[in-house]
């Protein structure tokens, strides 16, 4: 009779539906174990003010955080406040943003954002979701990034990584970001939302990637009903894990503790 090693990841039973209580318990255990796996998890965009984070997040569309972080130091010196963005020379701004791709559209976006902040919020980034989403180019994802990391207001940042990992873990089956946000949010205390976002996004960028996830190197494989989607051999899977980018110790830390 063949025995199963205790160390071998176990796939969740697919023929028995999971109760809501069991799902909640599994989900929270996942978050605890990911917190141990990624003790330094945080926003990967460098910022020191809510405005810097808002601008960086808008600029991160269709490019990498690494590239944005390489571009924003010059940008933040040249444009220290919303008024500066509102009055920016488009040609000069485009030249700074050129490495990010779609630089003309992004220049128009941040100029429009600066004008809206000056005209409607006295040049300050609002600290409420309902106000943030009225700004041009700012949806719930961007708003929750700013709220959670610059204001300490808990929020779920449902990007492609978050959604993919949440579905693979069986925390939701939905594809719509708003529905994913609502369904996953129900499983956790509100105070955990911001760090949960970081944990799932970091895991999705490093281990649970879109193509050929590193299942054999996954710290939560024993809690994942999708184990086996990617490489299960530990040695081969370890080679698929993507390293975290080099960062300064203080970059991207929340300005205030979560409420």
Protein backbone atom coordinates (compact mmCIF):
# COMPACT_ATOMS: atom_id res chain seq x y z
CA UNK A 1 0.00 0.00 0.00
CA UNK A 2 1.44 3.38 -1.00
CA UNK A 3 1.60 5.99 1.74
CA UNK A 4 1.42 9.73 1.17
CA UNK A 5 4.21 11.82 2.64
CA UNK A 6 3.09 14.24 5.32
CA UNK A 7 5.15 16.93 3.65
CA UNK A 8 3.44 16.51 0.28
CA UNK A 9 0.95 19.32 -0.46
CA UNK A 10 -2.63 18.17 -0.30
CA UNK A 11 -5.18 19.42 -2.77
CA UNK A 12 -8.46 20.57 -1.33
CA UNK A 13 -11.23 18.12 -2.01
CA UNK A 14 -13.07 19.13 -5.16
CA UNK A 15 -16.02 16.81 -4.70
CA UNK A 16 -17.05 18.22 -1.33
CA UNK A 17 -18.29 21.84 -1.21
CA UNK A 18 -16.50 24.04 1.31
CA UNK A 19 -18.67 25.63 3.97
CA UNK A 20 -18.53 29.38 4.47
CA UNK A 21 -16.97 28.91 7.90
CA UNK A 22 -14.31 26.59 6.50
CA UNK A 23 -13.61 29.06 3.70
CA UNK A 24 -13.20 31.93 6.16
CA UNK A 25 -10.84 29.89 8.31
CA UNK A 26 -8.78 28.78 5.31
CA UNK A 27 -8.66 32.28 3.88
CA UNK A 28 -7.40 33.78 7.12
CA UNK A 29 -4.83 31.05 7.52
CA UNK A 30 -3.63 31.80 3.99
CA UNK A 31 -3.16 35.45 4.93
CA UNK A 32 -1.28 34.55 8.12
CA UNK A 33 1.07 32.21 6.27
CA UNK A 34 1.66 34.70 3.45
CA UNK A 35 2.52 37.30 6.10
CA UNK A 36 5.27 34.96 7.29
CA UNK A 37 6.42 34.35 3.72
CA UNK A 38 6.51 38.07 2.87
CA UNK A 39 7.30 39.96 6.10
CA UNK A 40 8.40 43.03 4.10
CA UNK A 41 5.30 43.18 1.89
CA UNK A 42 4.26 46.74 1.11
CA UNK A 43 3.44 49.02 -1.78
CA UNK A 44 6.13 48.61 -4.44
CA UNK A 45 5.81 52.15 -5.72
CA UNK A 46 8.14 54.66 -4.04
CA UNK A 47 6.43 57.67 -2.47
CA UNK A 48 6.55 60.05 0.49
CA UNK A 49 3.22 61.88 0.15
CA UNK A 50 -0.34 60.96 -0.89
CA UNK A 51 0.08 63.01 -4.08
CA UNK A 52 3.25 61.14 -5.04
CA UNK A 53 1.54 57.79 -4.52
CA UNK A 54 -1.51 58.90 -6.51
CA UNK A 55 0.60 60.08 -9.43
CA UNK A 56 2.84 57.00 -9.35
CA UNK A 57 -0.15 54.66 -9.30
CA UNK A 58 -1.76 56.39 -12.28
CA UNK A 59 1.55 56.20 -14.16
CA UNK A 60 1.98 52.49 -13.37
CA UNK A 61 -0.72 51.46 -15.85
CA UNK A 62 0.74 49.27 -18.63
CA UNK A 63 4.27 49.42 -17.25
CA UNK A 64 6.23 48.06 -14.30
CA UNK A 65 6.62 49.52 -10.83
CA UNK A 66 10.39 49.29 -11.29
CA UNK A 67 10.24 51.55 -14.34
CA UNK A 68 7.91 53.98 -12.57
CA UNK A 69 10.27 54.13 -9.57
CA UNK A 70 13.15 54.95 -11.92
CA UNK A 71 11.17 57.82 -13.43
CA UNK A 72 9.42 59.45 -10.47
CA UNK A 73 12.43 60.92 -8.58
CA UNK A 74 12.95 63.54 -11.31
CA UNK A 75 9.20 63.95 -11.74
CA UNK A 76 8.55 64.59 -8.04
CA UNK A 77 11.32 67.21 -7.87
CA UNK A 78 10.04 69.02 -10.95
CA UNK A 79 6.38 68.87 -9.86
CA UNK A 80 6.15 69.04 -6.05
CA UNK A 81 2.42 69.76 -5.78
CA UNK A 82 -0.89 69.59 -7.62
CA UNK A 83 -0.57 73.18 -8.86
CA UNK A 84 2.72 72.31 -10.56
CA UNK A 85 1.08 69.43 -12.42
CA UNK A 86 -1.88 71.62 -13.39
CA UNK A 87 0.46 74.21 -14.90
CA UNK A 88 2.96 71.75 -16.41
CA UNK A 89 4.31 72.26 -19.90
CA UNK A 90 3.07 69.16 -21.80
CA UNK A 91 6.25 68.81 -23.87
CA UNK A 92 8.53 68.92 -20.82
CA UNK A 93 6.33 66.50 -18.89
CA UNK A 94 6.15 64.10 -21.83
CA UNK A 95 9.92 63.99 -22.05
CA UNK A 96 10.20 62.91 -18.39
CA UNK A 97 7.49 60.29 -18.83
CA UNK A 98 8.79 58.95 -22.16
CA UNK A 99 10.43 55.82 -20.58
CA UNK A 100 7.02 54.68 -19.27
CA UNK A 101 5.39 54.30 -22.67
CA UNK A 102 2.10 55.98 -23.65
CA UNK A 103 3.83 59.12 -22.39
CA UNK A 104 1.56 61.60 -24.17
CA UNK A 105 -1.58 60.07 -22.68
CA UNK A 106 0.05 59.84 -19.26
CA UNK A 107 1.15 63.46 -19.41
CA UNK A 108 -2.42 64.52 -20.21
CA UNK A 109 -3.67 62.33 -17.37
CA UNK A 110 -1.47 63.82 -14.65
CA UNK A 111 -2.07 67.38 -15.88
CA UNK A 112 -5.81 66.72 -15.71
CA UNK A 113 -5.42 65.15 -12.30
CA UNK A 114 -3.51 68.18 -11.04
CA UNK A 115 -6.17 70.55 -12.34
CA UNK A 116 -8.97 68.54 -10.74
CA UNK A 117 -7.19 68.48 -7.37
CA UNK A 118 -6.62 72.25 -7.49
CA UNK A 119 -10.14 73.09 -8.63
CA UNK A 120 -12.06 70.69 -6.38
CA UNK A 121 -9.89 69.84 -3.39
CA UNK A 122 -7.65 72.90 -2.87
CA UNK A 123 -4.70 70.97 -4.25
CA UNK A 124 -4.90 68.21 -1.65
CA UNK A 125 -5.48 64.50 -2.27
CA UNK A 126 -8.80 63.59 -0.63
CA UNK A 127 -8.82 60.78 1.91
CA UNK A 128 -12.21 59.30 1.01
CA UNK A 129 -13.02 56.69 -1.61
CA UNK A 130 -16.08 58.54 -2.88
CA UNK A 131 -13.98 61.64 -3.54
CA UNK A 132 -10.98 59.89 -5.04
CA UNK A 133 -13.00 58.03 -7.67
CA UNK A 134 -14.35 61.34 -8.99
CA UNK A 135 -10.85 62.31 -10.12
CA UNK A 136 -9.97 61.71 -13.80
CA UNK A 137 -8.23 58.38 -14.32
CA UNK A 138 -8.82 57.19 -10.75
CA UNK A 139 -10.87 54.03 -10.24
CA UNK A 140 -11.44 51.90 -7.16
CA UNK A 141 -8.13 50.08 -7.53
CA UNK A 142 -6.07 53.27 -7.58
CA UNK A 143 -8.20 54.82 -4.84
CA UNK A 144 -7.69 51.83 -2.55
CA UNK A 145 -3.93 51.89 -3.15
CA UNK A 146 -3.83 55.51 -2.00
CA UNK A 147 -6.23 55.06 0.90
CA UNK A 148 -4.52 51.97 2.27
CA UNK A 149 -0.93 53.08 1.90
CA UNK A 150 -1.01 56.85 2.28
CA UNK A 151 -3.94 57.35 4.65
CA UNK A 152 -4.12 54.09 6.59
CA UNK A 153 -7.71 53.49 5.47
CA UNK A 154 -8.14 49.74 4.80
CA UNK A 155 -8.88 48.80 1.21
CA UNK A 156 -8.51 45.88 -1.20
CA UNK A 157 -6.44 46.56 -4.29
CA UNK A 158 -7.87 44.19 -6.89
CA UNK A 159 -5.35 44.20 -9.73
CA UNK A 160 -4.65 41.33 -12.12
CA UNK A 161 -2.36 39.59 -9.63
CA UNK A 162 -4.83 39.85 -6.75
CA UNK A 163 -7.71 38.56 -8.85
CA UNK A 164 -5.74 35.64 -10.30
CA UNK A 165 -4.42 34.46 -6.93
CA UNK A 166 -7.79 34.90 -5.21
CA UNK A 167 -9.48 32.75 -7.87
CA UNK A 168 -6.81 30.05 -7.74
CA UNK A 169 -7.14 29.94 -3.97
CA UNK A 170 -10.90 29.57 -4.28
CA UNK A 171 -11.64 32.81 -2.43
CA UNK A 172 -13.85 33.90 -5.33
CA UNK A 173 -14.86 32.67 -8.75
CA UNK A 174 -15.70 36.09 -10.17
CA UNK A 175 -13.75 37.98 -12.82
CA UNK A 176 -15.28 41.40 -12.13
CA UNK A 177 -12.90 43.41 -9.88
CA UNK A 178 -15.70 45.08 -7.93
CA UNK A 179 -17.35 41.73 -7.18
CA UNK A 180 -13.99 40.18 -6.30
CA UNK A 181 -13.36 43.06 -3.89
CA UNK A 182 -16.73 42.49 -2.21
CA UNK A 183 -16.50 38.69 -2.02
CA UNK A 184 -12.93 38.54 -0.72
CA UNK A 185 -13.52 41.44 1.65
CA UNK A 186 -16.28 39.48 3.38
CA UNK A 187 -13.79 36.79 4.42
CA UNK A 188 -11.48 39.08 6.38
CA UNK A 189 -11.67 41.76 9.07
CA UNK A 190 -11.54 45.18 7.45
CA UNK A 191 -8.31 46.02 9.28
CA UNK A 192 -6.56 43.24 7.32
CA UNK A 193 -7.55 44.38 3.84
CA UNK A 194 -4.53 46.51 2.93
CA UNK A 195 -1.93 43.96 4.02
CA UNK A 196 -3.95 41.13 2.44
CA UNK A 197 -3.71 43.04 -0.84
CA UNK A 198 0.07 43.25 -0.52
CA UNK A 199 0.35 39.56 0.35
CA UNK A 200 -1.70 38.36 -2.63
CA UNK A 201 -0.06 40.78 -5.06
CA UNK A 202 3.46 39.88 -3.91
CA UNK A 203 2.63 36.18 -4.16
CA UNK A 204 1.13 36.68 -7.61
CA UNK A 205 4.19 38.53 -8.87
CA UNK A 206 6.74 36.12 -7.46
CA UNK A 207 5.27 32.61 -7.20
CA UNK A 208 1.68 32.32 -8.42
CA UNK A 209 2.40 33.92 -11.78
CA UNK A 210 0.03 33.80 -14.73
CA UNK A 211 1.86 31.14 -16.74
CA UNK A 212 3.39 28.10 -15.07
CA UNK A 213 3.12 29.11 -11.40
CA UNK A 214 5.75 27.68 -9.06
CA UNK A 215 3.42 25.33 -7.18
CA UNK A 216 6.28 23.22 -5.83
CA UNK A 217 7.86 26.29 -4.19
CA UNK A 218 4.61 27.74 -2.84
CA UNK A 219 4.36 28.24 0.93
CA UNK A 220 0.57 27.88 0.86
CA UNK A 221 0.26 24.97 -1.59
CA UNK A 222 -1.30 22.87 1.17
CA UNK A 223 -4.15 25.38 1.32
CA UNK A 224 -4.66 25.79 -2.42
CA UNK A 225 -7.32 23.89 -4.41
CA UNK A 226 -5.43 24.75 -7.62
CA UNK A 227 -2.19 23.04 -6.62
CA UNK A 228 -0.79 21.37 -9.71
CA UNK A 229 -1.70 24.17 -12.11
CA UNK A 230 2.03 24.82 -12.48
CA UNK A 231 5.34 23.07 -11.83
CA UNK A 232 5.17 20.83 -8.75
CA UNK A 233 8.75 19.57 -8.62
CA UNK A 234 10.36 21.61 -5.78
CA UNK A 235 13.71 22.02 -7.53
CA UNK A 236 12.24 23.06 -10.86
CA UNK A 237 9.64 25.28 -9.18
CA UNK A 238 12.29 27.11 -7.15
CA UNK A 239 13.90 28.23 -10.40
CA UNK A 240 10.61 29.79 -11.49
CA UNK A 241 10.27 32.03 -8.43
CA UNK A 242 10.84 35.66 -9.37
CA UNK A 243 12.99 37.74 -7.01
CA UNK A 244 11.77 40.96 -5.46
CA UNK A 245 13.25 44.16 -6.93
CA UNK A 246 15.88 46.02 -4.91
CA UNK A 247 14.27 48.73 -2.80
CA UNK A 248 15.29 51.29 -0.23
CA UNK A 249 14.29 50.26 3.32
CA UNK A 250 11.75 53.07 3.73
CA UNK A 251 10.26 53.29 0.24
CA UNK A 252 6.53 52.86 0.03
CA UNK A 253 5.88 52.55 3.74
CA UNK A 254 2.43 53.70 4.91
CA UNK A 255 2.43 57.28 6.15
CA UNK A 256 0.02 56.40 8.95
CA UNK A 257 -0.89 53.07 10.55
CA UNK A 258 -4.02 51.31 9.24
CA UNK A 259 -7.18 52.10 11.19
